N, C-alpha and C. Protein backbone atom coordinates (compact mmCIF):
# COMPACT_ATOMS: atom_id res chain seq x y z
N UNK A 1 47.11 4.11 -42.04
CA UNK A 1 45.99 3.25 -41.79
C UNK A 1 44.85 3.60 -42.74
N UNK A 2 44.21 2.56 -43.27
CA UNK A 2 43.13 2.79 -44.23
C UNK A 2 41.85 3.22 -43.53
N UNK A 3 41.04 4.00 -44.30
CA UNK A 3 39.78 4.49 -43.78
C UNK A 3 38.83 3.34 -43.42
N UNK A 4 38.85 2.28 -44.23
CA UNK A 4 37.90 1.19 -43.97
C UNK A 4 38.25 0.43 -42.69
N UNK A 5 39.53 0.38 -42.30
CA UNK A 5 39.90 -0.26 -41.04
C UNK A 5 39.37 0.55 -39.85
N UNK A 6 39.42 1.86 -39.97
CA UNK A 6 38.90 2.72 -38.90
C UNK A 6 37.39 2.54 -38.78
N UNK A 7 36.72 2.45 -39.93
CA UNK A 7 35.26 2.23 -39.91
C UNK A 7 34.93 0.91 -39.25
N UNK A 8 35.68 -0.16 -39.58
CA UNK A 8 35.43 -1.47 -38.97
C UNK A 8 35.66 -1.41 -37.46
N UNK A 9 36.67 -0.69 -37.04
CA UNK A 9 36.97 -0.57 -35.62
C UNK A 9 35.85 0.14 -34.87
N UNK A 10 35.33 1.24 -35.45
CA UNK A 10 34.25 2.00 -34.81
C UNK A 10 32.99 1.14 -34.73
N UNK A 11 32.65 0.44 -35.82
CA UNK A 11 31.47 -0.41 -35.83
C UNK A 11 31.64 -1.55 -34.83
N UNK A 12 32.83 -2.13 -34.77
CA UNK A 12 33.09 -3.23 -33.81
C UNK A 12 32.94 -2.78 -32.37
N UNK A 13 33.45 -1.58 -32.06
CA UNK A 13 33.32 -1.05 -30.70
C UNK A 13 31.85 -0.81 -30.37
N UNK A 14 31.11 -0.22 -31.31
CA UNK A 14 29.68 0.06 -31.07
C UNK A 14 28.90 -1.23 -30.84
N UNK A 15 29.14 -2.24 -31.67
CA UNK A 15 28.44 -3.52 -31.51
C UNK A 15 28.83 -4.18 -30.19
N UNK A 16 30.10 -4.09 -29.83
CA UNK A 16 30.56 -4.65 -28.55
C UNK A 16 29.89 -3.99 -27.37
N UNK A 17 29.76 -2.66 -27.41
CA UNK A 17 29.09 -1.94 -26.32
C UNK A 17 27.62 -2.33 -26.21
N UNK A 18 26.96 -2.42 -27.36
CA UNK A 18 25.53 -2.79 -27.35
C UNK A 18 25.35 -4.19 -26.79
N UNK A 19 26.15 -5.15 -27.28
CA UNK A 19 26.04 -6.52 -26.78
C UNK A 19 26.38 -6.59 -25.28
N UNK A 20 27.40 -5.86 -24.87
CA UNK A 20 27.76 -5.84 -23.45
C UNK A 20 26.64 -5.28 -22.60
N UNK A 21 25.99 -4.23 -23.09
CA UNK A 21 24.87 -3.63 -22.37
C UNK A 21 23.72 -4.62 -22.24
N UNK A 22 23.39 -5.31 -23.34
CA UNK A 22 22.29 -6.28 -23.32
C UNK A 22 22.60 -7.43 -22.35
N UNK A 23 23.80 -7.97 -22.43
CA UNK A 23 24.17 -9.09 -21.56
C UNK A 23 24.19 -8.64 -20.09
N UNK A 24 24.71 -7.46 -19.81
CA UNK A 24 24.76 -6.96 -18.44
C UNK A 24 23.35 -6.78 -17.88
N UNK A 25 22.44 -6.21 -18.66
CA UNK A 25 21.06 -6.03 -18.20
C UNK A 25 20.38 -7.37 -17.99
N UNK A 26 20.61 -8.30 -18.88
CA UNK A 26 19.98 -9.61 -18.78
C UNK A 26 20.44 -10.33 -17.51
N UNK A 27 21.72 -10.30 -17.24
CA UNK A 27 22.22 -10.98 -16.04
C UNK A 27 21.81 -10.22 -14.78
N UNK A 28 21.77 -8.90 -14.84
CA UNK A 28 21.36 -8.10 -13.68
C UNK A 28 19.91 -8.37 -13.32
N UNK A 29 19.03 -8.50 -14.33
CA UNK A 29 17.63 -8.78 -14.06
C UNK A 29 17.48 -10.13 -13.40
N UNK A 30 18.24 -11.11 -13.86
CA UNK A 30 18.18 -12.44 -13.26
C UNK A 30 18.63 -12.41 -11.81
N UNK A 31 19.66 -11.64 -11.50
CA UNK A 31 20.15 -11.54 -10.13
C UNK A 31 19.18 -10.77 -9.26
N UNK A 32 18.68 -9.63 -9.76
CA UNK A 32 17.82 -8.78 -8.93
C UNK A 32 16.48 -9.45 -8.67
N UNK A 33 16.03 -10.33 -9.55
CA UNK A 33 14.77 -11.03 -9.32
C UNK A 33 14.89 -11.96 -8.11
N UNK A 34 16.08 -12.52 -7.88
CA UNK A 34 16.28 -13.43 -6.76
C UNK A 34 16.71 -12.72 -5.49
N UNK A 35 17.36 -11.57 -5.60
CA UNK A 35 17.91 -10.90 -4.43
C UNK A 35 16.86 -10.41 -3.43
N UNK A 36 15.76 -9.72 -3.85
CA UNK A 36 14.84 -9.22 -2.84
C UNK A 36 14.25 -10.34 -1.99
N UNK A 37 13.93 -11.47 -2.61
CA UNK A 37 13.34 -12.57 -1.86
C UNK A 37 14.35 -13.12 -0.88
N UNK A 38 15.57 -13.31 -1.33
CA UNK A 38 16.60 -13.84 -0.44
C UNK A 38 16.89 -12.86 0.70
N UNK A 39 16.94 -11.58 0.38
CA UNK A 39 17.21 -10.57 1.40
C UNK A 39 16.09 -10.53 2.42
N UNK A 40 14.85 -10.62 1.95
CA UNK A 40 13.74 -10.55 2.89
C UNK A 40 13.68 -11.79 3.75
N UNK A 41 14.06 -12.96 3.19
CA UNK A 41 14.06 -14.17 3.99
C UNK A 41 15.15 -14.11 5.05
N UNK A 42 16.34 -13.62 4.66
CA UNK A 42 17.44 -13.60 5.61
C UNK A 42 17.23 -12.54 6.69
N UNK A 43 16.57 -11.46 6.34
CA UNK A 43 16.35 -10.39 7.32
C UNK A 43 15.11 -10.66 8.17
N UNK A 44 14.35 -11.69 7.84
CA UNK A 44 13.13 -11.99 8.59
C UNK A 44 12.10 -10.91 8.40
N UNK A 45 11.94 -10.45 7.17
CA UNK A 45 11.03 -9.36 6.87
C UNK A 45 9.60 -9.72 7.27
N UNK A 46 8.88 -8.72 7.79
CA UNK A 46 7.52 -8.97 8.20
C UNK A 46 6.52 -8.47 7.16
N UNK A 47 6.98 -8.21 5.96
CA UNK A 47 6.07 -7.73 4.93
C UNK A 47 5.11 -8.83 4.51
N UNK A 48 3.86 -8.47 4.38
CA UNK A 48 2.84 -9.42 3.95
C UNK A 48 3.09 -9.87 2.53
N UNK A 49 3.67 -9.00 1.72
CA UNK A 49 3.86 -9.30 0.31
C UNK A 49 5.22 -9.91 0.02
N UNK A 50 6.00 -10.26 1.03
CA UNK A 50 7.38 -10.71 0.83
C UNK A 50 7.46 -12.10 0.24
N UNK A 51 6.54 -12.95 0.48
CA UNK A 51 6.64 -14.31 -0.04
C UNK A 51 5.44 -15.12 0.38
N UNK A 52 5.63 -16.42 0.48
CA UNK A 52 4.55 -17.32 0.85
C UNK A 52 4.14 -17.10 2.30
N UNK A 53 3.27 -17.99 2.82
CA UNK A 53 2.79 -17.83 4.18
C UNK A 53 3.95 -17.76 5.17
N UNK A 54 3.91 -16.78 6.05
CA UNK A 54 4.95 -16.61 7.05
C UNK A 54 4.29 -16.54 8.42
N UNK A 55 5.05 -16.72 9.49
CA UNK A 55 4.46 -16.65 10.82
C UNK A 55 3.90 -15.27 11.14
N UNK A 56 4.29 -14.23 10.39
CA UNK A 56 3.82 -12.88 10.67
C UNK A 56 2.39 -12.64 10.21
N UNK A 57 1.84 -13.52 9.36
CA UNK A 57 0.48 -13.32 8.89
C UNK A 57 -0.51 -13.57 10.01
N UNK A 58 -1.58 -12.78 10.08
CA UNK A 58 -2.56 -12.98 11.14
C UNK A 58 -3.31 -14.29 10.95
N UNK A 59 -3.89 -14.82 12.02
CA UNK A 59 -4.66 -16.07 11.89
C UNK A 59 -5.80 -15.89 10.90
N UNK A 60 -6.03 -16.90 10.09
CA UNK A 60 -7.12 -16.86 9.13
C UNK A 60 -6.79 -16.12 7.85
N UNK A 61 -5.57 -15.58 7.72
CA UNK A 61 -5.19 -14.86 6.51
C UNK A 61 -5.07 -15.86 5.37
N UNK A 62 -5.64 -15.54 4.20
CA UNK A 62 -5.52 -16.48 3.08
C UNK A 62 -4.07 -16.61 2.64
N UNK A 63 -3.71 -17.77 2.08
CA UNK A 63 -2.32 -17.95 1.63
C UNK A 63 -1.99 -16.96 0.52
N UNK A 64 -0.73 -16.56 0.46
CA UNK A 64 -0.28 -15.61 -0.55
C UNK A 64 0.42 -16.39 -1.65
N UNK A 65 -0.07 -16.25 -2.88
CA UNK A 65 0.50 -16.95 -4.02
C UNK A 65 1.27 -15.94 -4.86
N UNK A 66 2.59 -15.89 -4.69
CA UNK A 66 3.41 -14.92 -5.41
C UNK A 66 3.53 -15.25 -6.89
N UNK A 67 3.24 -16.48 -7.27
CA UNK A 67 3.35 -16.85 -8.68
C UNK A 67 2.13 -16.38 -9.48
N UNK A 68 1.05 -16.01 -8.80
CA UNK A 68 -0.16 -15.59 -9.48
C UNK A 68 -0.70 -14.31 -8.83
N UNK A 69 -0.01 -13.17 -9.00
CA UNK A 69 -0.48 -11.94 -8.37
C UNK A 69 -1.78 -11.44 -9.01
N UNK A 70 -2.62 -10.84 -8.20
CA UNK A 70 -3.86 -10.26 -8.71
C UNK A 70 -3.86 -8.79 -8.36
N UNK A 71 -4.44 -8.00 -9.23
CA UNK A 71 -4.49 -6.56 -8.97
C UNK A 71 -5.84 -6.21 -8.38
N UNK A 72 -5.87 -5.11 -7.67
CA UNK A 72 -7.10 -4.65 -7.04
C UNK A 72 -8.08 -4.19 -8.11
N UNK A 73 -9.38 -4.36 -7.87
CA UNK A 73 -10.36 -3.89 -8.86
C UNK A 73 -10.38 -2.37 -8.87
N UNK A 74 -10.89 -1.78 -9.95
CA UNK A 74 -10.96 -0.32 -9.99
C UNK A 74 -11.92 0.20 -8.93
N UNK A 75 -11.67 1.42 -8.48
CA UNK A 75 -12.54 2.04 -7.49
C UNK A 75 -13.88 2.35 -8.12
N UNK A 76 -14.95 2.37 -7.32
CA UNK A 76 -16.25 2.76 -7.86
C UNK A 76 -16.19 4.16 -8.43
N UNK A 77 -16.96 4.40 -9.47
CA UNK A 77 -16.95 5.71 -10.13
C UNK A 77 -17.31 6.80 -9.12
N UNK A 78 -16.51 7.85 -9.13
CA UNK A 78 -16.78 8.99 -8.26
C UNK A 78 -16.35 8.81 -6.83
N UNK A 79 -15.69 7.70 -6.51
CA UNK A 79 -15.32 7.47 -5.11
C UNK A 79 -14.13 8.30 -4.70
N UNK A 80 -13.19 8.53 -5.60
CA UNK A 80 -12.04 9.37 -5.30
C UNK A 80 -11.45 9.84 -6.60
N UNK A 81 -10.98 11.07 -6.62
CA UNK A 81 -10.35 11.56 -7.83
C UNK A 81 -8.97 10.97 -7.95
N UNK A 82 -8.42 10.99 -9.15
CA UNK A 82 -7.07 10.47 -9.34
C UNK A 82 -6.07 11.20 -8.47
N UNK A 83 -6.27 12.51 -8.33
CA UNK A 83 -5.33 13.31 -7.54
C UNK A 83 -5.39 12.91 -6.07
N UNK A 84 -6.61 12.71 -5.53
CA UNK A 84 -6.76 12.31 -4.14
C UNK A 84 -6.16 10.94 -3.91
N UNK A 85 -6.45 10.00 -4.83
CA UNK A 85 -5.94 8.63 -4.67
C UNK A 85 -4.43 8.60 -4.72
N UNK A 86 -3.85 9.34 -5.68
CA UNK A 86 -2.39 9.28 -5.80
C UNK A 86 -1.71 9.96 -4.63
N UNK A 87 -2.28 11.05 -4.12
CA UNK A 87 -1.64 11.70 -2.99
C UNK A 87 -1.82 10.90 -1.71
N UNK A 88 -2.96 10.24 -1.57
CA UNK A 88 -3.19 9.47 -0.35
C UNK A 88 -2.42 8.17 -0.34
N UNK A 89 -2.17 7.60 -1.54
CA UNK A 89 -1.48 6.32 -1.57
C UNK A 89 0.01 6.49 -1.74
N UNK A 90 0.48 7.72 -1.78
CA UNK A 90 1.91 7.94 -1.96
C UNK A 90 2.68 7.44 -0.74
N UNK A 91 3.95 7.22 -0.97
CA UNK A 91 4.82 6.77 0.12
C UNK A 91 4.93 7.88 1.17
N UNK A 92 5.33 7.53 2.39
CA UNK A 92 5.47 8.56 3.42
C UNK A 92 6.37 9.69 2.96
N UNK A 93 6.02 10.89 3.38
CA UNK A 93 6.78 12.07 2.99
C UNK A 93 8.14 12.07 3.66
N UNK A 94 8.94 13.08 3.34
CA UNK A 94 10.27 13.18 3.93
C UNK A 94 10.19 13.29 5.44
N UNK A 95 9.13 13.87 5.94
CA UNK A 95 8.95 13.97 7.39
C UNK A 95 8.67 12.62 8.02
N UNK A 96 8.37 11.59 7.20
CA UNK A 96 8.18 10.25 7.71
C UNK A 96 6.80 9.99 8.27
N UNK A 97 5.76 10.57 7.67
CA UNK A 97 4.42 10.31 8.17
C UNK A 97 3.45 10.21 7.01
N UNK A 98 2.31 9.60 7.30
CA UNK A 98 1.22 9.52 6.33
C UNK A 98 0.05 10.29 6.92
N UNK A 99 -0.46 11.23 6.18
CA UNK A 99 -1.54 12.08 6.66
C UNK A 99 -2.84 11.28 6.70
N UNK A 100 -3.44 11.17 7.87
CA UNK A 100 -4.74 10.51 8.03
C UNK A 100 -5.81 11.58 8.02
N UNK A 101 -6.73 11.53 7.03
CA UNK A 101 -7.81 12.52 7.04
C UNK A 101 -8.63 12.42 8.33
N UNK A 102 -9.29 13.47 8.66
CA UNK A 102 -10.06 13.54 9.90
C UNK A 102 -11.11 12.43 9.96
N UNK A 103 -11.24 11.83 11.14
CA UNK A 103 -12.27 10.81 11.38
C UNK A 103 -13.50 11.42 12.03
N UNK A 104 -13.56 12.76 12.07
CA UNK A 104 -14.68 13.45 12.70
C UNK A 104 -15.92 13.38 11.82
N UNK A 105 -17.06 13.19 12.47
CA UNK A 105 -18.33 13.07 11.76
C UNK A 105 -18.83 14.45 11.31
N UNK A 106 -19.70 14.41 10.31
CA UNK A 106 -20.35 15.64 9.86
C UNK A 106 -21.35 16.10 10.92
N UNK A 107 -21.61 17.40 10.98
CA UNK A 107 -22.67 17.87 11.88
C UNK A 107 -24.01 17.28 11.44
N UNK A 108 -24.91 17.09 12.37
CA UNK A 108 -26.21 16.47 12.07
C UNK A 108 -26.99 17.26 11.02
N UNK A 109 -26.82 18.58 10.98
CA UNK A 109 -27.57 19.41 10.04
C UNK A 109 -26.99 19.38 8.62
N UNK A 110 -25.83 18.79 8.44
CA UNK A 110 -25.17 18.80 7.13
C UNK A 110 -25.96 17.97 6.12
N UNK A 111 -26.05 18.50 4.89
CA UNK A 111 -26.76 17.81 3.80
C UNK A 111 -25.81 17.00 2.94
N UNK A 112 -24.50 17.02 3.25
CA UNK A 112 -23.49 16.30 2.47
C UNK A 112 -23.74 14.79 2.56
N UNK A 113 -23.49 14.08 1.44
CA UNK A 113 -23.69 12.63 1.42
C UNK A 113 -22.75 11.95 2.41
N UNK A 114 -23.30 11.04 3.18
CA UNK A 114 -22.53 10.35 4.22
C UNK A 114 -22.05 8.99 3.70
N UNK A 115 -20.94 8.52 4.30
CA UNK A 115 -20.31 7.27 3.85
C UNK A 115 -21.28 6.10 3.89
N UNK A 116 -22.09 6.00 4.94
CA UNK A 116 -23.00 4.85 5.08
C UNK A 116 -24.11 4.84 4.03
N UNK A 117 -24.36 5.98 3.38
CA UNK A 117 -25.37 6.01 2.32
C UNK A 117 -24.80 5.59 0.97
N UNK A 118 -23.49 5.73 0.81
CA UNK A 118 -22.86 5.41 -0.47
C UNK A 118 -22.22 4.02 -0.47
N UNK A 119 -21.72 3.57 0.68
CA UNK A 119 -21.01 2.29 0.77
C UNK A 119 -21.74 1.35 1.72
N UNK A 120 -21.52 0.04 1.52
CA UNK A 120 -22.17 -0.98 2.35
C UNK A 120 -21.37 -1.27 3.61
N UNK A 121 -22.09 -1.64 4.67
CA UNK A 121 -21.51 -2.14 5.92
C UNK A 121 -20.51 -1.17 6.56
N UNK A 122 -20.85 0.11 6.57
CA UNK A 122 -20.02 1.10 7.27
C UNK A 122 -20.46 1.08 8.73
N UNK A 123 -19.52 0.84 9.64
CA UNK A 123 -19.87 0.76 11.06
C UNK A 123 -19.25 1.88 11.86
N UNK A 124 -17.94 1.91 12.01
CA UNK A 124 -17.30 2.94 12.83
C UNK A 124 -17.16 4.27 12.11
N UNK A 125 -17.20 4.27 10.80
CA UNK A 125 -16.99 5.51 10.06
C UNK A 125 -18.31 6.14 9.60
N UNK A 126 -19.40 5.80 10.27
CA UNK A 126 -20.70 6.42 9.96
C UNK A 126 -20.62 7.91 10.26
N UNK A 127 -21.31 8.69 9.45
CA UNK A 127 -21.34 10.13 9.67
C UNK A 127 -20.24 10.88 8.97
N UNK A 128 -19.26 10.15 8.40
CA UNK A 128 -18.20 10.82 7.64
C UNK A 128 -18.73 11.21 6.26
N UNK A 129 -18.18 12.26 5.65
CA UNK A 129 -18.53 12.55 4.27
C UNK A 129 -18.12 11.38 3.38
N UNK A 130 -18.95 11.00 2.43
CA UNK A 130 -18.67 9.86 1.57
C UNK A 130 -17.36 10.03 0.81
N UNK A 131 -17.05 11.27 0.40
CA UNK A 131 -15.83 11.48 -0.38
C UNK A 131 -14.56 11.43 0.48
N UNK A 132 -14.67 11.33 1.79
CA UNK A 132 -13.51 11.23 2.65
C UNK A 132 -13.12 9.77 2.93
N UNK A 133 -14.04 8.83 2.67
CA UNK A 133 -13.78 7.43 3.01
C UNK A 133 -12.60 6.85 2.24
N UNK A 134 -12.52 7.07 0.93
CA UNK A 134 -11.42 6.50 0.15
C UNK A 134 -10.05 7.08 0.56
N UNK A 135 -9.91 8.40 0.77
CA UNK A 135 -8.62 8.89 1.27
C UNK A 135 -8.24 8.28 2.62
N UNK A 136 -9.21 8.00 3.48
CA UNK A 136 -8.91 7.35 4.76
C UNK A 136 -8.40 5.94 4.51
N UNK A 137 -9.06 5.20 3.60
CA UNK A 137 -8.63 3.84 3.29
C UNK A 137 -7.21 3.83 2.70
N UNK A 138 -6.91 4.80 1.83
CA UNK A 138 -5.57 4.88 1.24
C UNK A 138 -4.53 5.24 2.32
N UNK A 139 -4.93 6.03 3.30
CA UNK A 139 -4.00 6.35 4.39
C UNK A 139 -3.71 5.10 5.22
N UNK A 140 -4.74 4.26 5.47
CA UNK A 140 -4.53 2.99 6.17
C UNK A 140 -3.54 2.13 5.38
N UNK A 141 -3.79 2.04 4.08
CA UNK A 141 -2.96 1.21 3.18
C UNK A 141 -1.50 1.65 3.23
N UNK A 142 -1.26 2.95 3.12
CA UNK A 142 0.11 3.47 3.13
C UNK A 142 0.77 3.34 4.50
N UNK A 143 0.00 3.56 5.55
CA UNK A 143 0.56 3.50 6.90
C UNK A 143 1.02 2.10 7.28
N UNK A 144 0.33 1.07 6.75
CA UNK A 144 0.67 -0.32 7.07
C UNK A 144 1.50 -0.99 5.98
N UNK A 145 1.66 -0.33 4.82
CA UNK A 145 2.44 -0.92 3.74
C UNK A 145 1.78 -2.16 3.15
N UNK A 146 0.46 -2.17 3.07
CA UNK A 146 -0.26 -3.34 2.56
C UNK A 146 -1.15 -2.91 1.40
N UNK A 147 -1.85 -3.87 0.80
CA UNK A 147 -2.84 -3.51 -0.20
C UNK A 147 -4.24 -3.72 0.37
N UNK A 148 -5.26 -3.38 -0.40
CA UNK A 148 -6.64 -3.41 0.09
C UNK A 148 -7.07 -4.80 0.55
N UNK A 149 -6.57 -5.84 -0.12
CA UNK A 149 -7.00 -7.20 0.21
C UNK A 149 -6.41 -7.70 1.52
N UNK A 150 -5.59 -6.92 2.18
CA UNK A 150 -5.10 -7.29 3.51
C UNK A 150 -6.28 -7.33 4.49
N UNK A 151 -7.23 -6.41 4.35
CA UNK A 151 -8.41 -6.37 5.23
C UNK A 151 -9.69 -6.78 4.51
N UNK A 152 -9.74 -6.52 3.21
CA UNK A 152 -10.98 -6.75 2.45
C UNK A 152 -10.87 -7.96 1.54
N UNK A 153 -12.02 -8.55 1.23
CA UNK A 153 -12.10 -9.62 0.24
C UNK A 153 -12.28 -8.94 -1.11
N UNK A 154 -11.50 -9.37 -2.08
CA UNK A 154 -11.55 -8.75 -3.41
C UNK A 154 -12.97 -8.77 -3.96
N UNK A 155 -13.41 -7.62 -4.44
CA UNK A 155 -14.74 -7.40 -5.04
C UNK A 155 -15.90 -7.58 -4.05
N UNK A 156 -15.61 -7.78 -2.76
CA UNK A 156 -16.65 -7.91 -1.74
C UNK A 156 -16.21 -7.13 -0.50
N UNK A 157 -15.99 -5.85 -0.68
CA UNK A 157 -15.41 -5.00 0.37
C UNK A 157 -16.28 -4.92 1.62
N UNK A 158 -17.58 -5.17 1.49
CA UNK A 158 -18.48 -5.04 2.63
C UNK A 158 -18.40 -6.23 3.59
N UNK A 159 -17.84 -7.36 3.17
CA UNK A 159 -17.80 -8.56 4.01
C UNK A 159 -16.85 -8.38 5.19
N UNK A 160 -17.17 -9.05 6.29
CA UNK A 160 -16.39 -8.96 7.53
C UNK A 160 -15.63 -10.25 7.82
N UNK A 161 -15.30 -11.04 6.81
CA UNK A 161 -14.70 -12.36 7.00
C UNK A 161 -13.28 -12.33 7.55
N UNK A 162 -12.53 -11.28 7.29
CA UNK A 162 -11.12 -11.25 7.69
C UNK A 162 -10.93 -10.65 9.08
N UNK A 163 -10.08 -11.30 9.86
CA UNK A 163 -9.81 -10.81 11.21
C UNK A 163 -9.08 -9.46 11.17
N UNK A 164 -8.35 -9.21 10.09
CA UNK A 164 -7.65 -7.93 9.99
C UNK A 164 -8.63 -6.76 9.88
N UNK A 165 -9.79 -6.99 9.28
CA UNK A 165 -10.79 -5.93 9.20
C UNK A 165 -11.36 -5.64 10.59
N UNK A 166 -11.57 -6.69 11.38
CA UNK A 166 -12.05 -6.49 12.76
C UNK A 166 -11.01 -5.73 13.57
N UNK A 167 -9.73 -6.09 13.37
CA UNK A 167 -8.66 -5.39 14.09
C UNK A 167 -8.59 -3.93 13.66
N UNK A 168 -8.80 -3.67 12.37
CA UNK A 168 -8.78 -2.28 11.88
C UNK A 168 -9.84 -1.44 12.59
N UNK A 169 -11.00 -2.03 12.82
CA UNK A 169 -12.06 -1.29 13.53
C UNK A 169 -11.62 -0.96 14.96
N UNK A 170 -10.95 -1.90 15.62
CA UNK A 170 -10.45 -1.63 16.98
C UNK A 170 -9.41 -0.52 16.94
N UNK A 171 -8.57 -0.52 15.91
CA UNK A 171 -7.53 0.50 15.79
C UNK A 171 -8.13 1.88 15.51
N UNK A 172 -9.21 1.93 14.74
CA UNK A 172 -9.89 3.21 14.49
C UNK A 172 -10.38 3.79 15.82
N UNK A 173 -10.98 2.93 16.65
CA UNK A 173 -11.44 3.37 17.97
C UNK A 173 -10.28 3.86 18.82
N UNK A 174 -9.17 3.13 18.78
CA UNK A 174 -7.98 3.52 19.55
C UNK A 174 -7.47 4.89 19.11
N UNK A 175 -7.39 5.11 17.79
CA UNK A 175 -6.91 6.40 17.27
C UNK A 175 -7.85 7.52 17.68
N UNK A 176 -9.16 7.30 17.56
CA UNK A 176 -10.13 8.33 17.95
C UNK A 176 -10.00 8.66 19.43
N UNK A 177 -9.96 7.63 20.28
CA UNK A 177 -9.88 7.86 21.72
C UNK A 177 -8.59 8.58 22.11
N UNK A 178 -7.48 8.16 21.49
CA UNK A 178 -6.19 8.78 21.80
C UNK A 178 -6.19 10.25 21.41
N UNK A 179 -6.70 10.55 20.22
CA UNK A 179 -6.75 11.95 19.78
C UNK A 179 -7.69 12.78 20.62
N UNK A 180 -8.78 12.17 21.11
CA UNK A 180 -9.70 12.91 21.99
C UNK A 180 -9.00 13.27 23.30
N UNK A 181 -8.15 12.36 23.80
CA UNK A 181 -7.44 12.63 25.06
C UNK A 181 -6.31 13.65 24.86
N UNK A 182 -5.64 13.57 23.70
CA UNK A 182 -4.51 14.46 23.46
C UNK A 182 -4.93 15.88 23.13
N UNK A 183 -6.10 16.03 22.57
CA UNK A 183 -6.56 17.36 22.19
C UNK A 183 -5.85 17.84 20.94
N UNK A 184 -4.87 18.73 21.10
CA UNK A 184 -4.19 19.32 19.94
C UNK A 184 -3.31 18.31 19.22
N UNK A 185 -2.62 17.44 19.95
CA UNK A 185 -1.74 16.46 19.32
C UNK A 185 -2.55 15.37 18.65
N UNK A 186 -2.12 14.97 17.46
CA UNK A 186 -2.87 13.94 16.76
C UNK A 186 -1.96 12.77 16.44
N UNK A 187 -2.51 11.56 16.62
CA UNK A 187 -1.80 10.36 16.21
C UNK A 187 -2.54 9.76 15.02
N UNK A 188 -1.84 8.92 14.28
CA UNK A 188 -2.45 8.23 13.16
C UNK A 188 -1.93 6.79 13.15
N UNK A 189 -2.35 6.01 12.20
CA UNK A 189 -1.87 4.63 12.08
C UNK A 189 -0.35 4.61 11.92
N UNK A 190 0.18 5.58 11.17
CA UNK A 190 1.61 5.62 10.89
C UNK A 190 2.44 5.89 12.14
N UNK A 191 1.84 6.52 13.15
CA UNK A 191 2.56 6.83 14.38
C UNK A 191 3.21 5.57 14.95
N UNK A 192 2.50 4.45 14.89
CA UNK A 192 3.04 3.19 15.42
C UNK A 192 3.51 2.23 14.32
N UNK A 193 2.77 2.14 13.24
CA UNK A 193 3.05 1.10 12.24
C UNK A 193 4.26 1.40 11.37
N UNK A 194 4.50 2.65 11.02
CA UNK A 194 5.67 3.03 10.22
C UNK A 194 5.81 2.22 8.94
N UNK A 195 4.67 2.01 8.24
CA UNK A 195 4.71 1.32 6.95
C UNK A 195 4.80 -0.18 7.06
N UNK A 196 4.51 -0.77 8.24
CA UNK A 196 4.56 -2.22 8.42
C UNK A 196 3.22 -2.72 8.96
N UNK A 197 2.80 -3.94 8.57
CA UNK A 197 1.53 -4.46 9.06
C UNK A 197 1.48 -4.59 10.58
N UNK A 198 2.63 -4.97 11.18
CA UNK A 198 2.71 -5.02 12.64
C UNK A 198 3.68 -3.92 13.09
N UNK A 199 3.31 -3.16 14.12
CA UNK A 199 4.20 -2.09 14.56
C UNK A 199 5.56 -2.64 14.95
N UNK A 200 6.65 -1.98 14.53
CA UNK A 200 7.99 -2.45 14.93
C UNK A 200 8.15 -2.35 16.44
N UNK A 201 8.90 -3.29 17.00
CA UNK A 201 9.05 -3.31 18.47
C UNK A 201 10.31 -2.61 18.90
C-alpha cells in the first residue's frame, strides 16, 4: 500500500470525526432546547421560570416573557462582596439546606450601620446590620428557587406593588416566631420550600 493512500485515509477519518462531532452537537442542542420545556410541561412543574403564565403564579404576578429574558441590575456598590453573594446564592449544599443568616437585630448600643439607614422601605428587617441584608435576600432567592424580580420590581426594589413581597414579610414573621418558640432548633425558608416558590405538598 502506498504512503499517500494511508495519508488520505487518516485525513478522511479525521475530517469525518470532526464533521460527525459538529453535526451531533448541532442536533443535540436543537433537541435539548426543546426538551426542558416539554418535560416541565408534562411534569406540571411549578417553577416560575419554566414558561409562560401558569396557574402556579401568584395573583397579580406580571406575565413571564421567555422570549425576552432580562437580567437583574447590578447590586449597589458595597452592598455585598462577591464572595458573600456567590456563597449565599449557591445551590443547596449536599445536606440539602440553604443557610439563612440571623434575623436578629443589633443591640441598641451598636454603632454599626443598620439596614434601614442604607436601604429604602425596610420594615421587618429594621435593626439588622446593613451588610447582612443582601446575604438574607440571596438566601430567600436560593430557598425558593426564584430570582429577585419574583418579589421586587426591577430597579425599584423599595416598591411594595407585588403580593409576593407582602407574603415574604409574613413569612419572615413566621420564621422569627417559630425560631423563638423552638429555641435551639432553627428553621429557615428552605425548611418548607426546598427550592420551590410554593412548598411541596
